[in-house]
């Protein structure tokens, strides 16, 4: 799976609001809700995809960004959209 495919798959995993969450211990638990990073590494870590998401966010701390109290589901999806654009523009099609 290349970076672009990994980003698209991760976005699809959390596309529904009930599929996305904050933190490792969601309260109340909403399994199988995933945070942005959890969705991205679901099939295993992918360094290039993580790099593109970090670039889109402007931070290395994806989990902290995701878990910020003010963070919304729409913002997370928009971040994945930006990361997908970045990956596509940079030719991230190789494994």
PDB file of N, CA and C in Angstrom:
ATOM      1  N   UNK A   1       0.858  -1.178   0.000  1.00  0.00           N
ATOM      2  CA  UNK A   1       0.000   0.000   0.000  1.00  0.00           C
ATOM      3  C   UNK A   1       0.900   1.236   0.000  1.00  0.00           C
ATOM      4  N   UNK A   2       0.667   2.138  -0.940  1.00  0.00           N
ATOM      5  CA  UNK A   2       1.470   3.354  -0.965  1.00  0.00           C
ATOM      6  C   UNK A   2       0.851   4.419  -0.051  1.00  0.00           C
ATOM      7  N   UNK A   3       1.542   5.541   0.094  1.00  0.00           N
ATOM      8  CA  UNK A   3       1.108   6.593   1.021  1.00  0.00           C
ATOM      9  C   UNK A   3      -0.271   7.137   0.670  1.00  0.00           C
ATOM     10  N   UNK A   4      -0.512   7.350  -0.592  1.00  0.00           N
ATOM     11  CA  UNK A   4      -1.801   7.880  -1.024  1.00  0.00           C
ATOM     12  C   UNK A   4      -2.926   6.912  -0.683  1.00  0.00           C
ATOM     13  N   UNK A   5      -2.709   5.641  -0.946  1.00  0.00           N
ATOM     14  CA  UNK A   5      -3.708   4.631  -0.609  1.00  0.00           C
ATOM     15  C   UNK A   5      -3.917   4.541   0.897  1.00  0.00           C
ATOM     16  N   UNK A   6      -2.835   4.634   1.667  1.00  0.00           N
ATOM     17  CA  UNK A   6      -2.932   4.568   3.130  1.00  0.00           C
ATOM     18  C   UNK A   6      -3.739   5.741   3.673  1.00  0.00           C
ATOM     19  N   UNK A   7      -3.508   6.930   3.145  1.00  0.00           N
ATOM     20  CA  UNK A   7      -4.263   8.111   3.591  1.00  0.00           C
ATOM     21  C   UNK A   7      -5.743   7.998   3.233  1.00  0.00           C
ATOM     22  N   UNK A   8      -6.013   7.539   2.034  1.00  0.00           N
ATOM     23  CA  UNK A   8      -7.418   7.383   1.618  1.00  0.00           C
ATOM     24  C   UNK A   8      -8.131   6.329   2.463  1.00  0.00           C
ATOM     25  N   UNK A   9      -7.438   5.225   2.745  1.00  0.00           N
ATOM     26  CA  UNK A   9      -8.031   4.167   3.563  1.00  0.00           C
ATOM     27  C   UNK A   9      -8.295   4.665   4.985  1.00  0.00           C
ATOM     28  N   UNK A  10      -7.352   5.420   5.536  1.00  0.00           N
ATOM     29  CA  UNK A  10      -7.515   5.949   6.889  1.00  0.00           C
ATOM     30  C   UNK A  10      -8.693   6.914   6.949  1.00  0.00           C
ATOM     31  N   UNK A  11      -8.808   7.785   5.955  1.00  0.00           N
ATOM     32  CA  UNK A  11      -9.927   8.738   5.929  1.00  0.00           C
ATOM     33  C   UNK A  11     -11.251   7.989   5.863  1.00  0.00           C
ATOM     34  N   UNK A  12     -11.294   6.959   5.036  1.00  0.00           N
ATOM     35  CA  UNK A  12     -12.521   6.168   4.906  1.00  0.00           C
ATOM     36  C   UNK A  12     -12.900   5.496   6.226  1.00  0.00           C
ATOM     37  N   UNK A  13     -11.895   5.084   6.996  1.00  0.00           N
ATOM     38  CA  UNK A  13     -12.163   4.420   8.286  1.00  0.00           C
ATOM     39  C   UNK A  13     -12.870   5.333   9.271  1.00  0.00           C
ATOM     40  N   UNK A  14     -12.597   6.636   9.190  1.00  0.00           N
ATOM     41  CA  UNK A  14     -13.181   7.572  10.160  1.00  0.00           C
ATOM     42  C   UNK A  14     -14.160   8.541   9.508  1.00  0.00           C
ATOM     43  N   UNK A  15     -14.623   8.215   8.306  1.00  0.00           N
ATOM     44  CA  UNK A  15     -15.522   9.115   7.586  1.00  0.00           C
ATOM     45  C   UNK A  15     -16.822   9.381   8.349  1.00  0.00           C
ATOM     46  N   UNK A  16     -17.351   8.360   8.984  1.00  0.00           N
ATOM     47  CA  UNK A  16     -18.565   8.540   9.782  1.00  0.00           C
ATOM     48  C   UNK A  16     -18.168   9.087  11.155  1.00  0.00           C
ATOM     49  N   UNK A  17     -18.905  10.068  11.663  1.00  0.00           N
ATOM     50  CA  UNK A  17     -18.558  10.650  12.967  1.00  0.00           C
ATOM     51  C   UNK A  17     -18.420   9.619  14.086  1.00  0.00           C
ATOM     52  N   UNK A  18     -19.234   8.589  14.051  1.00  0.00           N
ATOM     53  CA  UNK A  18     -19.171   7.584  15.116  1.00  0.00           C
ATOM     54  C   UNK A  18     -17.939   6.680  15.002  1.00  0.00           C
ATOM     55  N   UNK A  19     -17.224   6.777  13.892  1.00  0.00           N
ATOM     56  CA  UNK A  19     -16.012   5.981  13.706  1.00  0.00           C
ATOM     57  C   UNK A  19     -14.753   6.701  14.168  1.00  0.00           C
ATOM     58  N   UNK A  20     -14.888   7.977  14.508  1.00  0.00           N
ATOM     59  CA  UNK A  20     -13.761   8.800  14.928  1.00  0.00           C
ATOM     60  C   UNK A  20     -13.874   9.123  16.413  1.00  0.00           C
ATOM     61  N   UNK A  21     -12.739   9.237  17.071  1.00  0.00           N
ATOM     62  CA  UNK A  21     -12.752   9.606  18.481  1.00  0.00           C
ATOM     63  C   UNK A  21     -11.456  10.265  18.894  1.00  0.00           C
ATOM     64  N   UNK A  22     -11.404  10.617  20.138  1.00  0.00           N
ATOM     65  CA  UNK A  22     -10.226  11.262  20.719  1.00  0.00           C
ATOM     66  C   UNK A  22      -9.639  10.368  21.792  1.00  0.00           C
ATOM     67  N   UNK A  23      -8.336  10.290  21.820  1.00  0.00           N
ATOM     68  CA  UNK A  23      -7.645   9.571  22.884  1.00  0.00           C
ATOM     69  C   UNK A  23      -7.743   8.066  22.775  1.00  0.00           C
ATOM     70  N   UNK A  24      -6.925   7.416  23.576  1.00  0.00           N
ATOM     71  CA  UNK A  24      -6.931   5.955  23.603  1.00  0.00           C
ATOM     72  C   UNK A  24      -8.108   5.436  24.416  1.00  0.00           C
ATOM     73  N   UNK A  25      -8.468   6.133  25.467  1.00  0.00           N
ATOM     74  CA  UNK A  25      -9.568   5.696  26.318  1.00  0.00           C
ATOM     75  C   UNK A  25     -10.772   6.580  26.115  1.00  0.00           C
ATOM     76  N   UNK A  26     -11.508   6.310  25.065  1.00  0.00           N
ATOM     77  CA  UNK A  26     -12.685   7.126  24.780  1.00  0.00           C
ATOM     78  C   UNK A  26     -13.720   6.936  25.879  1.00  0.00           C
ATOM     79  N   UNK A  27     -14.331   8.032  26.293  1.00  0.00           N
ATOM     80  CA  UNK A  27     -15.300   7.970  27.374  1.00  0.00           C
ATOM     81  C   UNK A  27     -16.618   8.547  26.885  1.00  0.00           C
ATOM     82  N   UNK A  28     -17.693   7.783  26.835  1.00  0.00           N
ATOM     83  CA  UNK A  28     -17.694   6.336  27.043  1.00  0.00           C
ATOM     84  C   UNK A  28     -17.041   5.654  25.853  1.00  0.00           C
ATOM     85  N   UNK A  29     -16.567   4.439  26.009  1.00  0.00           N
ATOM     86  CA  UNK A  29     -15.917   3.757  24.894  1.00  0.00           C
ATOM     87  C   UNK A  29     -16.845   3.650  23.687  1.00  0.00           C
ATOM     88  N   UNK A  30     -16.302   3.940  22.540  1.00  0.00           N
ATOM     89  CA  UNK A  30     -17.080   3.855  21.302  1.00  0.00           C
ATOM     90  C   UNK A  30     -16.328   2.974  20.322  1.00  0.00           C
ATOM     91  N   UNK A  31     -16.054   1.775  20.701  1.00  0.00           N
ATOM     92  CA  UNK A  31     -15.338   0.861  19.810  1.00  0.00           C
ATOM     93  C   UNK A  31     -16.185   0.614  18.570  1.00  0.00           C
ATOM     94  N   UNK A  32     -15.623   0.558  17.422  1.00  0.00           N
ATOM     95  CA  UNK A  32     -14.207   0.632  17.118  1.00  0.00           C
ATOM     96  C   UNK A  32     -13.770   2.023  16.671  1.00  0.00           C
ATOM     97  N   UNK A  33     -14.150   3.069  17.386  1.00  0.00           N
ATOM     98  CA  UNK A  33     -13.754   4.427  17.024  1.00  0.00           C
ATOM     99  C   UNK A  33     -12.237   4.561  17.049  1.00  0.00           C
ATOM    100  N   UNK A  34     -11.712   5.308  16.089  1.00  0.00           N
ATOM    101  CA  UNK A  34     -10.276   5.512  15.969  1.00  0.00           C
ATOM    102  C   UNK A  34      -9.953   6.996  15.925  1.00  0.00           C
ATOM    103  N   UNK A  35      -8.797   7.358  16.453  1.00  0.00           N
ATOM    104  CA  UNK A  35      -8.303   8.721  16.291  1.00  0.00           C
ATOM    105  C   UNK A  35      -7.647   8.810  14.913  1.00  0.00           C
ATOM    106  N   UNK A  36      -7.211   9.992  14.521  1.00  0.00           N
ATOM    107  CA  UNK A  36      -6.598  10.182  13.206  1.00  0.00           C
ATOM    108  C   UNK A  36      -5.378   9.278  13.030  1.00  0.00           C
ATOM    109  N   UNK A  37      -4.512   9.239  14.018  1.00  0.00           N
ATOM    110  CA  UNK A  37      -3.304   8.420  13.912  1.00  0.00           C
ATOM    111  C   UNK A  37      -3.650   6.935  13.938  1.00  0.00           C
ATOM    112  N   UNK A  38      -4.581   6.549  14.778  1.00  0.00           N
ATOM    113  CA  UNK A  38      -5.005   5.155  14.838  1.00  0.00           C
ATOM    114  C   UNK A  38      -5.572   4.676  13.516  1.00  0.00           C
ATOM    115  N   UNK A  39      -6.330   5.532  12.858  1.00  0.00           N
ATOM    116  CA  UNK A  39      -6.879   5.175  11.549  1.00  0.00           C
ATOM    117  C   UNK A  39      -5.771   5.005  10.523  1.00  0.00           C
ATOM    118  N   UNK A  40      -4.733   5.831  10.640  1.00  0.00           N
ATOM    119  CA  UNK A  40      -3.643   5.790   9.676  1.00  0.00           C
ATOM    120  C   UNK A  40      -2.730   4.588   9.869  1.00  0.00           C
ATOM    121  N   UNK A  41      -2.535   4.172  11.096  1.00  0.00           N
ATOM    122  CA  UNK A  41      -1.636   3.036  11.339  1.00  0.00           C
ATOM    123  C   UNK A  41      -2.404   1.725  11.529  1.00  0.00           C
ATOM    124  N   UNK A  42      -3.671   1.719  11.244  1.00  0.00           N
ATOM    125  CA  UNK A  42      -4.531   0.547  11.414  1.00  0.00           C
ATOM    126  C   UNK A  42      -3.966  -0.690  10.723  1.00  0.00           C
ATOM    127  N   UNK A  43      -3.465  -0.513   9.516  1.00  0.00           N
ATOM    128  CA  UNK A  43      -2.898  -1.626   8.752  1.00  0.00           C
ATOM    129  C   UNK A  43      -1.386  -1.729   8.922  1.00  0.00           C
ATOM    130  N   UNK A  44      -0.838  -0.990   9.862  1.00  0.00           N
ATOM    131  CA  UNK A  44       0.598  -0.962  10.074  1.00  0.00           C
ATOM    132  C   UNK A  44       1.139   0.427   9.799  1.00  0.00           C
ATOM    133  N   UNK A  45       2.252   0.778  10.420  1.00  0.00           N
ATOM    134  CA  UNK A  45       2.801   2.126  10.236  1.00  0.00           C
ATOM    135  C   UNK A  45       3.222   2.364   8.786  1.00  0.00           C
ATOM    136  N   UNK A  46       2.988   3.544   8.319  1.00  0.00           N
ATOM    137  CA  UNK A  46       3.371   3.942   6.965  1.00  0.00           C
ATOM    138  C   UNK A  46       4.004   5.322   7.082  1.00  0.00           C
ATOM    139  N   UNK A  47       5.331   5.342   7.107  1.00  0.00           N
ATOM    140  CA  UNK A  47       6.078   6.573   7.386  1.00  0.00           C
ATOM    141  C   UNK A  47       5.725   7.715   6.447  1.00  0.00           C
ATOM    142  N   UNK A  48       5.618   7.449   5.155  1.00  0.00           N
ATOM    143  CA  UNK A  48       5.341   8.514   4.191  1.00  0.00           C
ATOM    144  C   UNK A  48       3.940   9.087   4.390  1.00  0.00           C
ATOM    145  N   UNK A  49       2.960   8.249   4.664  1.00  0.00           N
ATOM    146  CA  UNK A  49       1.598   8.734   4.900  1.00  0.00           C
ATOM    147  C   UNK A  49       1.540   9.567   6.179  1.00  0.00           C
ATOM    148  N   UNK A  50       2.216   9.116   7.212  1.00  0.00           N
ATOM    149  CA  UNK A  50       2.260   9.874   8.465  1.00  0.00           C
ATOM    150  C   UNK A  50       2.939  11.217   8.229  1.00  0.00           C
ATOM    151  N   UNK A  51       4.009  11.228   7.430  1.00  0.00           N
ATOM    152  CA  UNK A  51       4.707  12.482   7.126  1.00  0.00           C
ATOM    153  C   UNK A  51       3.794  13.466   6.406  1.00  0.00           C
ATOM    154  N   UNK A  52       2.993  12.971   5.474  1.00  0.00           N
ATOM    155  CA  UNK A  52       2.078  13.865   4.749  1.00  0.00           C
ATOM    156  C   UNK A  52       0.996  14.408   5.673  1.00  0.00           C
ATOM    157  N   UNK A  53       0.492  13.592   6.598  1.00  0.00           N
ATOM    158  CA  UNK A  53      -0.517  14.081   7.543  1.00  0.00           C
ATOM    159  C   UNK A  53       0.100  15.117   8.470  1.00  0.00           C
ATOM    160  N   UNK A  54       1.303  14.864   8.951  1.00  0.00           N
ATOM    161  CA  UNK A  54       1.992  15.852   9.793  1.00  0.00           C
ATOM    162  C   UNK A  54       2.191  17.162   9.041  1.00  0.00           C
ATOM    163  N   UNK A  55       2.567  17.066   7.782  1.00  0.00           N
ATOM    164  CA  UNK A  55       2.758  18.255   6.956  1.00  0.00           C
ATOM    165  C   UNK A  55       1.440  19.026   6.819  1.00  0.00           C
ATOM    166  N   UNK A  56       0.359  18.309   6.583  1.00  0.00           N
ATOM    167  CA  UNK A  56      -0.958  18.944   6.442  1.00  0.00           C
ATOM    168  C   UNK A  56      -1.376  19.647   7.728  1.00  0.00           C
ATOM    169  N   UNK A  57      -1.018  19.055   8.864  1.00  0.00           N
ATOM    170  CA  UNK A  57      -1.395  19.614  10.162  1.00  0.00           C
ATOM    171  C   UNK A  57      -0.464  20.726  10.616  1.00  0.00           C
ATOM    172  N   UNK A  58       0.779  20.692  10.142  1.00  0.00           N
ATOM    173  CA  UNK A  58       1.773  21.653  10.600  1.00  0.00           C
ATOM    174  C   UNK A  58       2.319  21.302  11.968  1.00  0.00           C
ATOM    175  N   UNK A  59       2.246  20.026  12.335  1.00  0.00           N
ATOM    176  CA  UNK A  59       2.756  19.562  13.625  1.00  0.00           C
ATOM    177  C   UNK A  59       3.167  18.099  13.516  1.00  0.00           C
ATOM    178  N   UNK A  60       4.101  17.718  14.350  1.00  0.00           N
ATOM    179  CA  UNK A  60       4.521  16.314  14.409  1.00  0.00           C
ATOM    180  C   UNK A  60       3.646  15.513  15.356  1.00  0.00           C
ATOM    181  N   UNK A  61       2.814  16.187  16.117  1.00  0.00           N
ATOM    182  CA  UNK A  61       2.037  15.543  17.176  1.00  0.00           C
ATOM    183  C   UNK A  61       0.586  15.318  16.742  1.00  0.00           C
ATOM    184  N   UNK A  62       0.402  14.369  15.861  1.00  0.00           N
ATOM    185  CA  UNK A  62      -0.932  14.084  15.315  1.00  0.00           C
ATOM    186  C   UNK A  62      -1.911  13.760  16.430  1.00  0.00           C
ATOM    187  N   UNK A  63      -1.485  12.943  17.382  1.00  0.00           N
ATOM    188  CA  UNK A  63      -2.390  12.528  18.466  1.00  0.00           C
ATOM    189  C   UNK A  63      -2.821  13.714  19.324  1.00  0.00           C
ATOM    190  N   UNK A  64      -1.909  14.634  19.609  1.00  0.00           N
ATOM    191  CA  UNK A  64      -2.285  15.818  20.404  1.00  0.00           C
ATOM    192  C   UNK A  64      -3.220  16.728  19.620  1.00  0.00           C
ATOM    193  N   UNK A  65      -2.947  16.877  18.335  1.00  0.00           N
ATOM    194  CA  UNK A  65      -3.817  17.697  17.498  1.00  0.00           C
ATOM    195  C   UNK A  65      -5.217  17.092  17.463  1.00  0.00           C
ATOM    196  N   UNK A  66      -5.304  15.789  17.230  1.00  0.00           N
ATOM    197  CA  UNK A  66      -6.579  15.084  17.177  1.00  0.00           C
ATOM    198  C   UNK A  66      -7.345  15.226  18.496  1.00  0.00           C
ATOM    199  N   UNK A  67      -6.628  15.130  19.615  1.00  0.00           N
ATOM    200  CA  UNK A  67      -7.266  15.086  20.929  1.00  0.00           C
ATOM    201  C   UNK A  67      -7.560  16.457  21.542  1.00  0.00           C
ATOM    202  N   UNK A  68      -7.201  17.539  20.846  1.00  0.00           N
ATOM    203  CA  UNK A  68      -7.471  18.880  21.371  1.00  0.00           C
ATOM    204  C   UNK A  68      -8.974  19.019  21.627  1.00  0.00           C
ATOM    205  N   UNK A  69      -9.353  19.611  22.754  1.00  0.00           N
ATOM    206  CA  UNK A  69     -10.776  19.722  23.106  1.00  0.00           C
ATOM    207  C   UNK A  69     -11.635  20.375  22.019  1.00  0.00           C
ATOM    208  N   UNK A  70     -11.051  21.312  21.294  1.00  0.00           N
ATOM    209  CA  UNK A  70     -11.822  22.038  20.284  1.00  0.00           C
ATOM    210  C   UNK A  70     -11.898  21.315  18.930  1.00  0.00           C
ATOM    211  N   UNK A  71     -11.143  20.226  18.780  1.00  0.00           N
ATOM    212  CA  UNK A  71     -11.069  19.533  17.494  1.00  0.00           C
ATOM    213  C   UNK A  71     -12.405  18.915  17.114  1.00  0.00           C
ATOM    214  N   UNK A  72     -12.761  19.066  15.848  1.00  0.00           N
ATOM    215  CA  UNK A  72     -14.018  18.508  15.357  1.00  0.00           C
ATOM    216  C   UNK A  72     -13.737  17.420  14.310  1.00  0.00           C
ATOM    217  N   UNK A  73     -14.722  16.594  14.110  1.00  0.00           N
ATOM    218  CA  UNK A  73     -14.637  15.547  13.101  1.00  0.00           C
ATOM    219  C   UNK A  73     -14.393  16.158  11.720  1.00  0.00           C
ATOM    220  N   UNK A  74     -15.075  17.235  11.409  1.00  0.00           N
ATOM    221  CA  UNK A  74     -14.914  17.888  10.109  1.00  0.00           C
ATOM    222  C   UNK A  74     -13.480  18.372   9.902  1.00  0.00           C
ATOM    223  N   UNK A  75     -12.849  18.878  10.948  1.00  0.00           N
ATOM    224  CA  UNK A  75     -11.458  19.329  10.841  1.00  0.00           C
ATOM    225  C   UNK A  75     -10.513  18.159  10.569  1.00  0.00           C
ATOM    226  N   UNK A  76     -10.795  17.037  11.180  1.00  0.00           N
ATOM    227  CA  UNK A  76      -9.954  15.853  10.973  1.00  0.00           C
ATOM    228  C   UNK A  76     -10.081  15.366   9.530  1.00  0.00           C
ATOM    229  N   UNK A  77     -11.299  15.311   9.021  1.00  0.00           N
ATOM    230  CA  UNK A  77     -11.478  14.901   7.627  1.00  0.00           C
ATOM    231  C   UNK A  77     -10.814  15.887   6.676  1.00  0.00           C
ATOM    232  N   UNK A  78     -10.912  17.169   6.970  1.00  0.00           N
ATOM    233  CA  UNK A  78     -10.267  18.186   6.132  1.00  0.00           C
ATOM    234  C   UNK A  78      -8.749  18.031   6.157  1.00  0.00           C
ATOM    235  N   UNK A  79      -8.191  17.664   7.296  1.00  0.00           N
ATOM    236  CA  UNK A  79      -6.750  17.434   7.394  1.00  0.00           C
ATOM    237  C   UNK A  79      -6.334  16.254   6.521  1.00  0.00           C
ATOM    238  N   UNK A  80      -7.140  15.203   6.533  1.00  0.00           N
ATOM    239  CA  UNK A  80      -6.845  14.071   5.655  1.00  0.00           C
ATOM    240  C   UNK A  80      -6.958  14.478   4.191  1.00  0.00           C
ATOM    241  N   UNK A  81      -7.931  15.305   3.863  1.00  0.00           N
ATOM    242  CA  UNK A  81      -8.058  15.781   2.482  1.00  0.00           C
ATOM    243  C   UNK A  81      -6.806  16.549   2.060  1.00  0.00           C
ATOM    244  N   UNK A  82      -6.287  17.407   2.939  1.00  0.00           N
ATOM    245  CA  UNK A  82      -5.055  18.158   2.642  1.00  0.00           C
ATOM    246  C   UNK A  82      -3.873  17.211   2.486  1.00  0.00           C
ATOM    247  N   UNK A  83      -3.776  16.228   3.372  1.00  0.00           N
ATOM    248  CA  UNK A  83      -2.679  15.260   3.303  1.00  0.00           C
ATOM    249  C   UNK A  83      -2.748  14.457   2.002  1.00  0.00           C
ATOM    250  N   UNK A  84      -3.945  14.103   1.584  1.00  0.00           N
ATOM    251  CA  UNK A  84      -4.130  13.372   0.330  1.00  0.00           C
ATOM    252  C   UNK A  84      -3.686  14.239  -0.852  1.00  0.00           C
ATOM    253  N   UNK A  85      -4.038  15.510  -0.827  1.00  0.00           N
ATOM    254  CA  UNK A  85      -3.601  16.427  -1.878  1.00  0.00           C
ATOM    255  C   UNK A  85      -2.077  16.539  -1.904  1.00  0.00           C
ATOM    256  N   UNK A  86      -1.464  16.671  -0.738  1.00  0.00           N
ATOM    257  CA  UNK A  86      -0.010  16.763  -0.643  1.00  0.00           C
ATOM    258  C   UNK A  86       0.667  15.494  -1.170  1.00  0.00           C
ATOM    259  N   UNK A  87       0.120  14.350  -0.789  1.00  0.00           N
ATOM    260  CA  UNK A  87       0.687  13.083  -1.246  1.00  0.00           C
ATOM    261  C   UNK A  87       0.558  12.937  -2.755  1.00  0.00           C
ATOM    262  N   UNK A  88      -0.588  13.343  -3.265  1.00  0.00           N
ATOM    263  CA  UNK A  88      -0.812  13.255  -4.706  1.00  0.00           C
ATOM    264  C   UNK A  88       0.118  14.194  -5.454  1.00  0.00           C
ATOM    265  N   UNK A  89       0.264  15.419  -4.962  1.00  0.00           N
ATOM    266  CA  UNK A  89       1.119  16.414  -5.614  1.00  0.00           C
ATOM    267  C   UNK A  89       2.590  16.026  -5.576  1.00  0.00           C
ATOM    268  N   UNK A  90       2.993  15.316  -4.543  1.00  0.00           N
ATOM    269  CA  UNK A  90       4.407  14.939  -4.414  1.00  0.00           C
ATOM    270  C   UNK A  90       4.699  13.583  -5.047  1.00  0.00           C
ATOM    271  N   UNK A  91       3.683  12.983  -5.657  1.00  0.00           N
ATOM    272  CA  UNK A  91       3.885  11.712  -6.347  1.00  0.00           C
ATOM    273  C   UNK A  91       4.081  10.536  -5.433  1.00  0.00           C
ATOM    274  N   UNK A  92       3.436  10.540  -4.285  1.00  0.00           N
ATOM    275  CA  UNK A  92       3.561   9.434  -3.314  1.00  0.00           C
ATOM    276  C   UNK A  92       2.762   8.234  -3.782  1.00  0.00           C
ATOM    277  N   UNK A  93       3.296   7.562  -4.790  1.00  0.00           N
ATOM    278  CA  UNK A  93       2.599   6.394  -5.297  1.00  0.00           C
ATOM    279  C   UNK A  93       3.424   5.129  -5.139  1.00  0.00           C
ATOM    280  N   UNK A  94       4.651   5.264  -4.658  1.00  0.00           N
ATOM    281  CA  UNK A  94       5.496   4.095  -4.444  1.00  0.00           C
ATOM    282  C   UNK A  94       5.322   3.566  -3.039  1.00  0.00           C
ATOM    283  N   UNK A  95       5.444   2.254  -2.872  1.00  0.00           N
ATOM    284  CA  UNK A  95       5.378   1.656  -1.540  1.00  0.00           C
ATOM    285  C   UNK A  95       6.587   2.063  -0.726  1.00  0.00           C
TER     286      UNK A  95
END
